[in-house]
Amino acid sequence: MKQIEVVAAVICHNGKFFATQRGYGEFKDFWEFPGGKMEPGETREEALKREIREELDTEISVDTFLTTVEYPYPAFHLTMHCFFCSVRSGHLELKEHENAAWLRLEELDSVDWLPADVEVVKTIKNH
């Protein structure tokens, strides 16, 4: 089975978490924490900063490691390294996603998360 390793940013501000809605592909309309694949030679933190710069035109600081989720999707196995992050500069401009929302802890269950991201939400609630 194909293995995919990605990084994801749990961007926090004023007690809210930034979520994005996919506008493309097999999982269109599902919600996720933004991020993406690491390139050869990149650290997880470097990849996360690059992905957020590319997807959201925003500079972030990678603050603390949250969790690694292992999730067996039907077509591939996903390893997703998640970090709490904060915005350094920029306005989280959507370049690839169709929607975004700032969700309070009690609102995290109000959107349809991708299956692997459901695991991240559970970890955030227990953190």
N, C-alpha and C. Protein backbone atom coordinates (compact mmCIF):
# COMPACT_ATOMS: atom_id res chain seq x y z
N MET A 1 0.84 -1.19 0.00
CA MET A 1 0.00 0.00 0.00
C MET A 1 0.88 1.25 0.00
N LYS A 2 0.44 2.25 -0.74
CA LYS A 2 1.17 3.51 -0.83
C LYS A 2 1.21 4.20 0.54
N GLN A 3 2.39 4.74 0.89
CA GLN A 3 2.58 5.47 2.15
C GLN A 3 2.71 6.96 1.83
N ILE A 4 1.95 7.80 2.52
CA ILE A 4 2.05 9.25 2.34
C ILE A 4 2.33 9.86 3.70
N GLU A 5 3.36 10.71 3.75
CA GLU A 5 3.72 11.39 5.00
C GLU A 5 3.52 12.89 4.80
N VAL A 6 2.74 13.49 5.70
CA VAL A 6 2.42 14.91 5.59
C VAL A 6 2.57 15.60 6.95
N VAL A 7 2.51 16.93 6.90
CA VAL A 7 2.51 17.75 8.10
C VAL A 7 1.24 18.60 8.10
N ALA A 8 0.75 18.94 9.28
CA ALA A 8 -0.46 19.75 9.39
C ALA A 8 -0.30 20.79 10.49
N ALA A 9 -0.85 21.98 10.22
CA ALA A 9 -0.78 23.10 11.16
C ALA A 9 -2.10 23.26 11.90
N VAL A 10 -2.05 23.16 13.21
CA VAL A 10 -3.20 23.48 14.05
C VAL A 10 -2.95 24.92 14.49
N ILE A 11 -3.46 25.85 13.67
CA ILE A 11 -3.21 27.27 13.90
C ILE A 11 -4.21 27.78 14.94
N CYS A 12 -3.66 28.36 16.01
CA CYS A 12 -4.49 28.82 17.13
C CYS A 12 -4.37 30.33 17.26
N HIS A 13 -5.51 30.95 17.62
CA HIS A 13 -5.52 32.39 17.89
C HIS A 13 -6.75 32.71 18.73
N ASN A 14 -6.53 33.36 19.86
CA ASN A 14 -7.63 33.77 20.75
C ASN A 14 -8.59 32.63 21.06
N GLY A 15 -8.04 31.45 21.33
CA GLY A 15 -8.86 30.32 21.72
C GLY A 15 -9.62 29.65 20.59
N LYS A 16 -9.28 30.00 19.35
CA LYS A 16 -9.93 29.39 18.19
C LYS A 16 -8.90 28.67 17.33
N PHE A 17 -9.40 27.70 16.55
CA PHE A 17 -8.57 26.87 15.70
C PHE A 17 -8.97 27.09 14.24
N PHE A 18 -7.98 27.21 13.36
CA PHE A 18 -8.22 27.49 11.94
C PHE A 18 -8.41 26.19 11.18
N ALA A 19 -9.55 26.06 10.52
CA ALA A 19 -9.87 24.87 9.72
C ALA A 19 -10.12 25.29 8.28
N THR A 20 -9.75 24.42 7.34
CA THR A 20 -9.95 24.71 5.93
C THR A 20 -10.78 23.60 5.28
N GLN A 21 -11.55 23.99 4.26
CA GLN A 21 -12.40 23.04 3.55
C GLN A 21 -11.80 22.78 2.17
N ARG A 22 -11.60 21.51 1.87
CA ARG A 22 -11.00 21.13 0.58
C ARG A 22 -11.93 21.48 -0.57
N GLY A 23 -11.35 22.02 -1.63
CA GLY A 23 -12.14 22.39 -2.79
C GLY A 23 -11.85 21.52 -3.99
N TYR A 24 -11.21 20.37 -3.78
CA TYR A 24 -10.76 19.55 -4.90
C TYR A 24 -10.63 18.09 -4.47
N GLY A 25 -10.59 17.22 -5.45
CA GLY A 25 -10.21 15.82 -5.23
C GLY A 25 -11.28 14.95 -4.60
N GLU A 26 -10.83 13.74 -4.26
CA GLU A 26 -11.70 12.71 -3.71
C GLU A 26 -12.38 13.16 -2.41
N PHE A 27 -11.72 13.98 -1.65
CA PHE A 27 -12.25 14.40 -0.35
C PHE A 27 -12.75 15.85 -0.38
N LYS A 28 -13.20 16.32 -1.55
CA LYS A 28 -13.74 17.66 -1.70
C LYS A 28 -14.85 17.89 -0.66
N ASP A 29 -14.88 19.08 -0.11
CA ASP A 29 -15.86 19.55 0.86
C ASP A 29 -15.61 19.07 2.29
N PHE A 30 -14.68 18.15 2.50
CA PHE A 30 -14.32 17.78 3.87
C PHE A 30 -13.38 18.84 4.44
N TRP A 31 -13.35 18.92 5.76
CA TRP A 31 -12.52 19.91 6.45
C TRP A 31 -11.23 19.26 6.95
N GLU A 32 -10.20 20.09 7.05
CA GLU A 32 -8.88 19.60 7.47
C GLU A 32 -8.09 20.73 8.11
N PHE A 33 -7.04 20.34 8.79
CA PHE A 33 -6.05 21.30 9.24
C PHE A 33 -5.07 21.46 8.08
N PRO A 34 -4.73 22.70 7.69
CA PRO A 34 -3.92 22.89 6.49
C PRO A 34 -2.50 22.35 6.64
N GLY A 35 -1.91 22.01 5.51
CA GLY A 35 -0.55 21.49 5.48
C GLY A 35 -0.33 20.75 4.19
N GLY A 36 0.59 19.79 4.20
CA GLY A 36 0.85 19.03 2.98
C GLY A 36 2.08 18.17 3.09
N LYS A 37 2.51 17.69 1.94
CA LYS A 37 3.62 16.74 1.88
C LYS A 37 4.96 17.43 2.10
N MET A 38 5.86 16.67 2.71
CA MET A 38 7.23 17.13 2.89
C MET A 38 8.02 16.85 1.61
N GLU A 39 8.94 17.75 1.28
CA GLU A 39 9.83 17.54 0.14
C GLU A 39 11.13 16.94 0.66
N PRO A 40 11.86 16.21 -0.22
CA PRO A 40 13.12 15.60 0.22
C PRO A 40 14.06 16.63 0.86
N GLY A 41 14.62 16.27 2.00
CA GLY A 41 15.57 17.13 2.69
C GLY A 41 14.96 18.15 3.63
N GLU A 42 13.64 18.29 3.62
CA GLU A 42 12.98 19.24 4.50
C GLU A 42 12.72 18.63 5.87
N THR A 43 12.83 19.45 6.91
CA THR A 43 12.35 19.02 8.22
C THR A 43 10.84 19.17 8.23
N ARG A 44 10.20 18.59 9.20
CA ARG A 44 8.74 18.74 9.31
C ARG A 44 8.36 20.21 9.46
N GLU A 45 9.10 20.93 10.27
CA GLU A 45 8.81 22.34 10.50
C GLU A 45 9.00 23.17 9.24
N GLU A 46 10.07 22.91 8.49
CA GLU A 46 10.31 23.63 7.23
C GLU A 46 9.19 23.36 6.23
N ALA A 47 8.78 22.10 6.13
CA ALA A 47 7.71 21.73 5.21
C ALA A 47 6.41 22.43 5.59
N LEU A 48 6.11 22.48 6.86
CA LEU A 48 4.88 23.10 7.31
C LEU A 48 4.87 24.60 7.00
N LYS A 49 5.98 25.27 7.27
CA LYS A 49 6.07 26.70 6.96
C LYS A 49 5.90 26.93 5.46
N ARG A 50 6.54 26.10 4.63
CA ARG A 50 6.44 26.24 3.17
C ARG A 50 5.01 26.00 2.69
N GLU A 51 4.39 24.93 3.18
CA GLU A 51 3.03 24.60 2.76
C GLU A 51 2.04 25.72 3.11
N ILE A 52 2.15 26.28 4.31
CA ILE A 52 1.23 27.34 4.72
C ILE A 52 1.50 28.60 3.91
N ARG A 53 2.75 28.87 3.60
CA ARG A 53 3.10 30.01 2.74
C ARG A 53 2.46 29.83 1.36
N GLU A 54 2.56 28.61 0.81
CA GLU A 54 2.01 28.33 -0.53
C GLU A 54 0.49 28.31 -0.54
N GLU A 55 -0.12 27.68 0.44
CA GLU A 55 -1.58 27.50 0.45
C GLU A 55 -2.34 28.71 0.98
N LEU A 56 -1.74 29.47 1.90
CA LEU A 56 -2.47 30.52 2.60
C LEU A 56 -1.77 31.88 2.58
N ASP A 57 -0.63 31.98 1.88
CA ASP A 57 0.12 33.23 1.78
C ASP A 57 0.37 33.85 3.16
N THR A 58 0.77 32.99 4.10
CA THR A 58 0.93 33.41 5.49
C THR A 58 2.21 32.79 6.07
N GLU A 59 2.90 33.56 6.88
CA GLU A 59 4.07 33.07 7.60
C GLU A 59 3.62 32.64 8.99
N ILE A 60 4.01 31.43 9.38
CA ILE A 60 3.64 30.92 10.70
C ILE A 60 4.89 30.61 11.52
N SER A 61 4.67 30.50 12.81
CA SER A 61 5.70 29.92 13.67
C SER A 61 5.17 28.55 14.07
N VAL A 62 6.05 27.56 14.05
CA VAL A 62 5.71 26.21 14.46
C VAL A 62 6.06 26.14 15.94
N ASP A 63 5.03 26.10 16.78
CA ASP A 63 5.24 26.28 18.21
C ASP A 63 5.55 24.98 18.96
N THR A 64 4.64 24.03 18.95
CA THR A 64 4.88 22.77 19.66
C THR A 64 4.26 21.60 18.90
N PHE A 65 4.90 20.45 19.04
CA PHE A 65 4.39 19.23 18.44
C PHE A 65 3.11 18.81 19.18
N LEU A 66 2.09 18.40 18.44
CA LEU A 66 0.84 17.95 19.04
C LEU A 66 0.71 16.43 19.00
N THR A 67 0.76 15.84 17.79
CA THR A 67 0.56 14.40 17.66
C THR A 67 0.96 13.94 16.27
N THR A 68 1.18 12.65 16.13
CA THR A 68 1.31 12.02 14.82
C THR A 68 0.15 11.05 14.68
N VAL A 69 -0.60 11.19 13.60
CA VAL A 69 -1.74 10.33 13.33
C VAL A 69 -1.35 9.34 12.23
N GLU A 70 -1.61 8.08 12.47
CA GLU A 70 -1.46 7.04 11.45
C GLU A 70 -2.88 6.66 11.04
N TYR A 71 -3.21 6.80 9.75
CA TYR A 71 -4.57 6.51 9.34
C TYR A 71 -4.59 5.71 8.03
N PRO A 72 -5.25 4.55 8.03
CA PRO A 72 -5.31 3.72 6.82
C PRO A 72 -6.50 4.07 5.93
N TYR A 73 -6.30 4.99 4.98
CA TYR A 73 -7.33 5.27 3.98
C TYR A 73 -7.39 4.07 3.02
N PRO A 74 -8.48 3.92 2.25
CA PRO A 74 -8.59 2.76 1.35
C PRO A 74 -7.45 2.66 0.32
N ALA A 75 -6.99 3.80 -0.21
CA ALA A 75 -6.00 3.77 -1.29
C ALA A 75 -4.56 4.01 -0.82
N PHE A 76 -4.37 4.42 0.44
CA PHE A 76 -3.02 4.72 0.94
C PHE A 76 -3.02 4.75 2.46
N HIS A 77 -1.83 4.68 3.04
CA HIS A 77 -1.68 4.84 4.49
C HIS A 77 -1.09 6.22 4.74
N LEU A 78 -1.76 7.00 5.58
CA LEU A 78 -1.33 8.36 5.87
C LEU A 78 -0.63 8.44 7.22
N THR A 79 0.52 9.10 7.24
CA THR A 79 1.20 9.49 8.48
C THR A 79 1.18 11.01 8.49
N MET A 80 0.51 11.59 9.50
CA MET A 80 0.36 13.04 9.56
C MET A 80 0.91 13.58 10.87
N HIS A 81 1.94 14.41 10.77
CA HIS A 81 2.58 15.03 11.94
C HIS A 81 1.94 16.40 12.15
N CYS A 82 1.35 16.61 13.33
CA CYS A 82 0.59 17.83 13.59
C CYS A 82 1.27 18.69 14.65
N PHE A 83 1.27 20.00 14.39
CA PHE A 83 1.92 20.95 15.29
C PHE A 83 0.98 22.10 15.60
N PHE A 84 1.00 22.57 16.85
CA PHE A 84 0.34 23.83 17.17
C PHE A 84 1.19 24.93 16.53
N CYS A 85 0.52 25.88 15.87
CA CYS A 85 1.21 26.96 15.17
C CYS A 85 0.51 28.28 15.45
N SER A 86 1.21 29.37 15.17
CA SER A 86 0.59 30.69 15.26
C SER A 86 1.03 31.52 14.06
N VAL A 87 0.20 32.49 13.72
CA VAL A 87 0.45 33.36 12.57
C VAL A 87 1.50 34.40 12.95
N ARG A 88 2.52 34.52 12.11
CA ARG A 88 3.54 35.57 12.31
C ARG A 88 3.20 36.78 11.46
N SER A 89 2.80 36.54 10.19
CA SER A 89 2.39 37.63 9.31
C SER A 89 1.54 37.06 8.18
N GLY A 90 0.67 37.90 7.65
CA GLY A 90 -0.22 37.47 6.58
C GLY A 90 -1.65 37.37 7.09
N HIS A 91 -2.56 37.04 6.16
CA HIS A 91 -3.99 37.06 6.48
C HIS A 91 -4.70 35.76 6.14
N LEU A 92 -3.98 34.63 6.05
CA LEU A 92 -4.59 33.33 5.78
C LEU A 92 -5.51 33.39 4.56
N GLU A 93 -4.94 33.81 3.45
CA GLU A 93 -5.66 33.94 2.18
C GLU A 93 -5.81 32.58 1.52
N LEU A 94 -7.04 32.18 1.21
CA LEU A 94 -7.28 30.86 0.63
C LEU A 94 -6.84 30.81 -0.83
N LYS A 95 -5.87 29.95 -1.12
CA LYS A 95 -5.38 29.78 -2.49
C LYS A 95 -5.79 28.43 -3.07
N GLU A 96 -6.02 27.43 -2.21
CA GLU A 96 -6.38 26.09 -2.67
C GLU A 96 -7.69 25.59 -2.07
N HIS A 97 -8.10 26.15 -0.97
CA HIS A 97 -9.30 25.67 -0.27
C HIS A 97 -10.51 26.51 -0.66
N GLU A 98 -11.71 25.92 -0.50
CA GLU A 98 -12.92 26.65 -0.89
C GLU A 98 -13.53 27.43 0.27
N ASN A 99 -13.14 27.11 1.49
CA ASN A 99 -13.70 27.81 2.64
C ASN A 99 -12.76 27.62 3.83
N ALA A 100 -12.96 28.45 4.84
CA ALA A 100 -12.18 28.34 6.08
C ALA A 100 -13.02 28.87 7.21
N ALA A 101 -12.67 28.47 8.43
CA ALA A 101 -13.39 28.94 9.60
C ALA A 101 -12.47 28.90 10.82
N TRP A 102 -12.70 29.85 11.72
CA TRP A 102 -12.07 29.83 13.04
C TRP A 102 -13.08 29.20 13.98
N LEU A 103 -12.72 28.07 14.56
CA LEU A 103 -13.65 27.31 15.41
C LEU A 103 -13.18 27.28 16.86
N ARG A 104 -14.10 27.58 17.76
CA ARG A 104 -13.81 27.42 19.19
C ARG A 104 -13.77 25.92 19.50
N LEU A 105 -13.18 25.56 20.61
CA LEU A 105 -13.06 24.16 21.01
C LEU A 105 -14.42 23.45 20.93
N GLU A 106 -15.45 24.10 21.45
CA GLU A 106 -16.77 23.47 21.46
C GLU A 106 -17.43 23.43 20.08
N GLU A 107 -16.84 24.10 19.09
CA GLU A 107 -17.37 24.10 17.72
C GLU A 107 -16.64 23.13 16.79
N LEU A 108 -15.60 22.48 17.29
CA LEU A 108 -14.80 21.62 16.42
C LEU A 108 -15.61 20.50 15.77
N ASP A 109 -16.65 20.04 16.41
CA ASP A 109 -17.46 18.96 15.85
C ASP A 109 -18.54 19.47 14.89
N SER A 110 -18.54 20.75 14.58
CA SER A 110 -19.58 21.32 13.73
C SER A 110 -19.30 21.19 12.24
N VAL A 111 -18.13 20.68 11.86
CA VAL A 111 -17.79 20.50 10.45
C VAL A 111 -17.46 19.03 10.19
N ASP A 112 -17.51 18.63 8.92
CA ASP A 112 -17.20 17.25 8.52
C ASP A 112 -15.70 17.13 8.24
N TRP A 113 -14.97 16.67 9.23
CA TRP A 113 -13.52 16.53 9.12
C TRP A 113 -13.15 15.31 8.27
N LEU A 114 -12.00 15.38 7.61
CA LEU A 114 -11.41 14.19 7.01
C LEU A 114 -11.15 13.18 8.13
N PRO A 115 -11.22 11.89 7.84
CA PRO A 115 -11.06 10.89 8.91
C PRO A 115 -9.79 11.05 9.75
N ALA A 116 -8.65 11.31 9.13
CA ALA A 116 -7.42 11.47 9.92
C ALA A 116 -7.50 12.71 10.80
N ASP A 117 -8.15 13.76 10.32
CA ASP A 117 -8.27 14.99 11.09
C ASP A 117 -9.22 14.83 12.27
N VAL A 118 -10.16 13.90 12.18
CA VAL A 118 -11.03 13.57 13.32
C VAL A 118 -10.16 13.15 14.50
N GLU A 119 -9.10 12.39 14.22
CA GLU A 119 -8.18 11.95 15.27
C GLU A 119 -7.45 13.14 15.89
N VAL A 120 -7.10 14.12 15.07
CA VAL A 120 -6.43 15.32 15.57
C VAL A 120 -7.37 16.10 16.49
N VAL A 121 -8.63 16.23 16.08
CA VAL A 121 -9.63 16.92 16.90
C VAL A 121 -9.76 16.24 18.27
N LYS A 122 -9.79 14.91 18.28
CA LYS A 122 -9.86 14.18 19.55
C LYS A 122 -8.66 14.51 20.43
N THR A 123 -7.49 14.58 19.84
CA THR A 123 -6.27 14.90 20.59
C THR A 123 -6.32 16.32 21.15
N ILE A 124 -6.80 17.27 20.34
CA ILE A 124 -6.92 18.65 20.80
C ILE A 124 -7.85 18.73 22.01
N LYS A 125 -8.96 18.04 21.94
CA LYS A 125 -9.94 18.07 23.03
C LYS A 125 -9.36 17.49 24.32
N ASN A 126 -8.45 16.52 24.19
CA ASN A 126 -7.86 15.87 25.36
C ASN A 126 -6.58 16.58 25.84
N HIS A 127 -6.14 17.58 25.10
CA HIS A 127 -4.86 18.25 25.37
C HIS A 127 -4.95 19.16 26.58
